[in-house]
Protein backbone atom coordinates (compact mmCIF):
# COMPACT_ATOMS: atom_id res chain seq x y z
CA MET A 1 -22.42 -24.17 -25.72
CA SER A 2 -20.42 -23.68 -22.98
CA ILE A 3 -19.32 -20.09 -21.55
CA PRO A 4 -16.29 -19.93 -20.16
CA ILE A 5 -15.51 -20.27 -15.91
CA GLU A 6 -13.68 -16.43 -16.47
CA THR A 7 -16.73 -14.85 -18.66
CA ILE A 8 -19.13 -16.51 -15.39
CA LEU A 9 -17.13 -15.22 -12.76
CA GLY A 10 -17.25 -12.03 -14.27
CA ARG A 11 -20.91 -11.44 -14.54
CA LEU A 12 -20.70 -12.65 -11.09
CA ILE A 13 -18.82 -9.47 -9.91
CA ASP A 14 -20.76 -7.44 -11.77
CA ARG A 15 -23.89 -8.45 -10.13
CA VAL A 16 -22.37 -7.81 -6.80
CA SER A 17 -21.20 -4.45 -6.68
CA THR A 18 -20.81 -1.32 -9.54
CA ASP A 19 -17.39 -0.85 -8.41
CA ILE A 20 -14.82 -3.17 -7.39
CA PRO A 21 -11.23 -1.54 -8.06
CA LEU A 22 -9.61 -5.75 -6.83
CA PHE A 23 -5.95 -6.36 -7.32
CA ASN A 24 -5.04 -2.57 -7.11
CA ASN A 25 -1.36 -2.54 -6.82
CA TYR A 26 1.67 -0.15 -6.38
CA VAL A 27 4.29 -1.64 -4.98
CA PRO A 28 7.11 -0.19 -6.75
CA GLN A 29 9.82 -3.01 -7.36
CA LEU A 30 7.75 -5.18 -5.29
CA ASN A 31 5.30 -6.78 -7.12
CA ASN A 32 4.22 -10.02 -6.38
CA TYR A 33 2.92 -10.51 -9.95
CA MET A 34 6.21 -10.53 -11.59
CA THR A 35 8.57 -13.69 -12.45
CA LYS A 36 12.27 -12.93 -12.74
CA THR A 37 13.69 -15.57 -15.64
CA ASN A 38 17.00 -15.80 -17.27
CA ASP A 39 16.04 -13.90 -20.69
CA GLY A 40 13.17 -11.29 -18.76
CA TYR A 41 10.19 -10.56 -17.15
CA LEU A 42 6.58 -12.38 -16.94
CA PHE A 43 3.86 -10.45 -15.38
CA GLU A 44 0.61 -12.26 -14.90
CA TYR A 45 -2.82 -9.93 -13.62
CA PRO A 46 -5.53 -11.63 -12.90
CA VAL A 47 -8.48 -9.96 -14.86
CA PRO A 48 -11.39 -11.88 -15.05
CA GLY A 49 -13.79 -10.89 -17.55
CA LEU A 50 -12.30 -8.77 -19.38
CA SER A 51 -11.37 -8.90 -22.95
CA LYS A 52 -8.29 -8.18 -24.83
CA ASP A 53 -10.39 -4.80 -25.95
CA GLU A 54 -11.29 -3.77 -22.60
CA ILE A 55 -7.42 -3.66 -21.57
CA ASN A 56 -4.98 -0.94 -22.15
CA VAL A 57 -1.46 -1.42 -21.30
CA LYS A 58 0.92 1.68 -21.56
CA VAL A 59 4.88 2.44 -20.58
CA LYS A 60 6.22 5.79 -19.78
CA GLY A 61 9.23 6.13 -19.09
CA GLN A 62 10.33 3.45 -16.75
CA ASN A 63 6.41 2.99 -15.72
CA MET A 64 4.25 0.29 -16.64
CA TYR A 65 0.73 1.28 -16.53
CA VAL A 66 -2.18 -1.92 -16.69
CA THR A 67 -5.54 -0.62 -16.45
CA GLY A 68 -8.67 -2.27 -17.24
CA THR A 69 -12.71 -1.30 -17.21
CA ARG A 70 -15.19 -3.15 -18.32
CA SER A 71 -18.97 -1.48 -18.48
CA ASN A 72 -22.92 -3.14 -18.21
CA ASN A 73 -25.33 -2.72 -20.96
CA LYS A 74 -26.52 0.35 -19.93
CA SER A 75 -22.28 2.07 -19.72
CA ILE A 76 -22.29 1.67 -16.27
CA LEU A 77 -19.31 1.16 -15.05
CA THR A 78 -18.76 -2.39 -13.26
CA LYS A 79 -14.86 -3.31 -12.74
CA VAL A 80 -12.01 -1.18 -12.43
CA TYR A 81 -7.99 -2.98 -12.37
CA LYS A 82 -5.63 -0.52 -12.42
CA TYR A 83 -1.75 -2.05 -11.84
CA GLU A 84 1.11 -0.09 -11.56
CA TYR A 85 4.94 -1.23 -11.49
CA ILE A 86 8.43 0.70 -12.38
CA LEU A 87 9.90 -1.42 -14.55
CA PRO A 88 13.47 -2.99 -14.03
CA GLU A 89 16.71 -0.51 -16.02
CA ASP A 90 17.19 -4.24 -17.75
CA ALA A 91 13.94 -4.73 -18.80
CA GLU A 92 14.54 -4.44 -23.19
CA LEU A 93 11.18 -2.08 -23.20
CA SER A 94 10.96 -2.17 -26.89
CA SER A 95 10.17 -6.21 -26.48
CA LEU A 96 7.20 -5.87 -24.32
CA SER A 97 4.24 -8.39 -25.47
CA ALA A 98 0.95 -8.49 -23.47
CA LYS A 99 -2.42 -11.11 -23.78
CA VAL A 100 -4.90 -12.59 -22.09
CA MET A 101 -5.78 -16.00 -21.51
CA ASN A 102 -7.91 -17.89 -19.23
CA GLY A 103 -9.09 -14.34 -16.92
CA VAL A 104 -5.08 -13.49 -16.73
CA LEU A 105 -2.94 -10.72 -18.30
CA TYR A 106 0.34 -12.06 -19.48
CA ILE A 107 2.71 -9.73 -20.62
CA THR A 108 6.41 -10.64 -21.33
CA LEU A 109 9.53 -8.14 -21.69
CA SER A 110 13.43 -9.20 -22.45
CA LYS A 111 16.55 -8.24 -21.17
CA LYS A 112 18.55 -5.69 -22.25
CA ARG A 113 21.81 -7.61 -23.32
CA SER A 114 25.20 -6.53 -21.55
CA GLU A 115 27.91 -6.85 -24.05
CA ASP A 116 29.57 -9.58 -22.25
CA SER A 117 26.18 -11.62 -23.13
CA TYR A 118 27.76 -11.24 -27.18
CA ASN A 119 29.50 -14.19 -28.81
CA THR A 120 33.41 -12.83 -29.30
CA ILE A 121 35.21 -14.30 -32.64
CA ASN A 122 38.23 -14.23 -33.30
CA ILE A 123 38.72 -13.01 -37.36
CA GLU A 124 42.15 -14.11 -38.95
CA ILE A 125 42.69 -11.44 -41.37
CA ASN A 126 44.36 -12.87 -43.97
């Protein structure tokens, strides 16, 4: 049985410190973790050692808040991750989806469709 590397790294970090607010990131509209695509936006946040149950994603207005916390067996807080980001105005908030894979939280958002992006069809009336 092999143990995933992100679990091993998470355990090592747990031993080093009792509170590691690593990767705290609050830089409105300037986010090293965001990639803009043709169809939307992709956010990639490092959260080594955390499972999906230890991560919370909230959107309030145009602000997205990502928090992750981990406690050891004695309920002592061992890791804290916090990210805040002001979402672009053309982001379709209802399309937000998130997944955790290999110690990285992936969040995707679609762009709102503009009226120009819809196909125009002329219909002949008989």
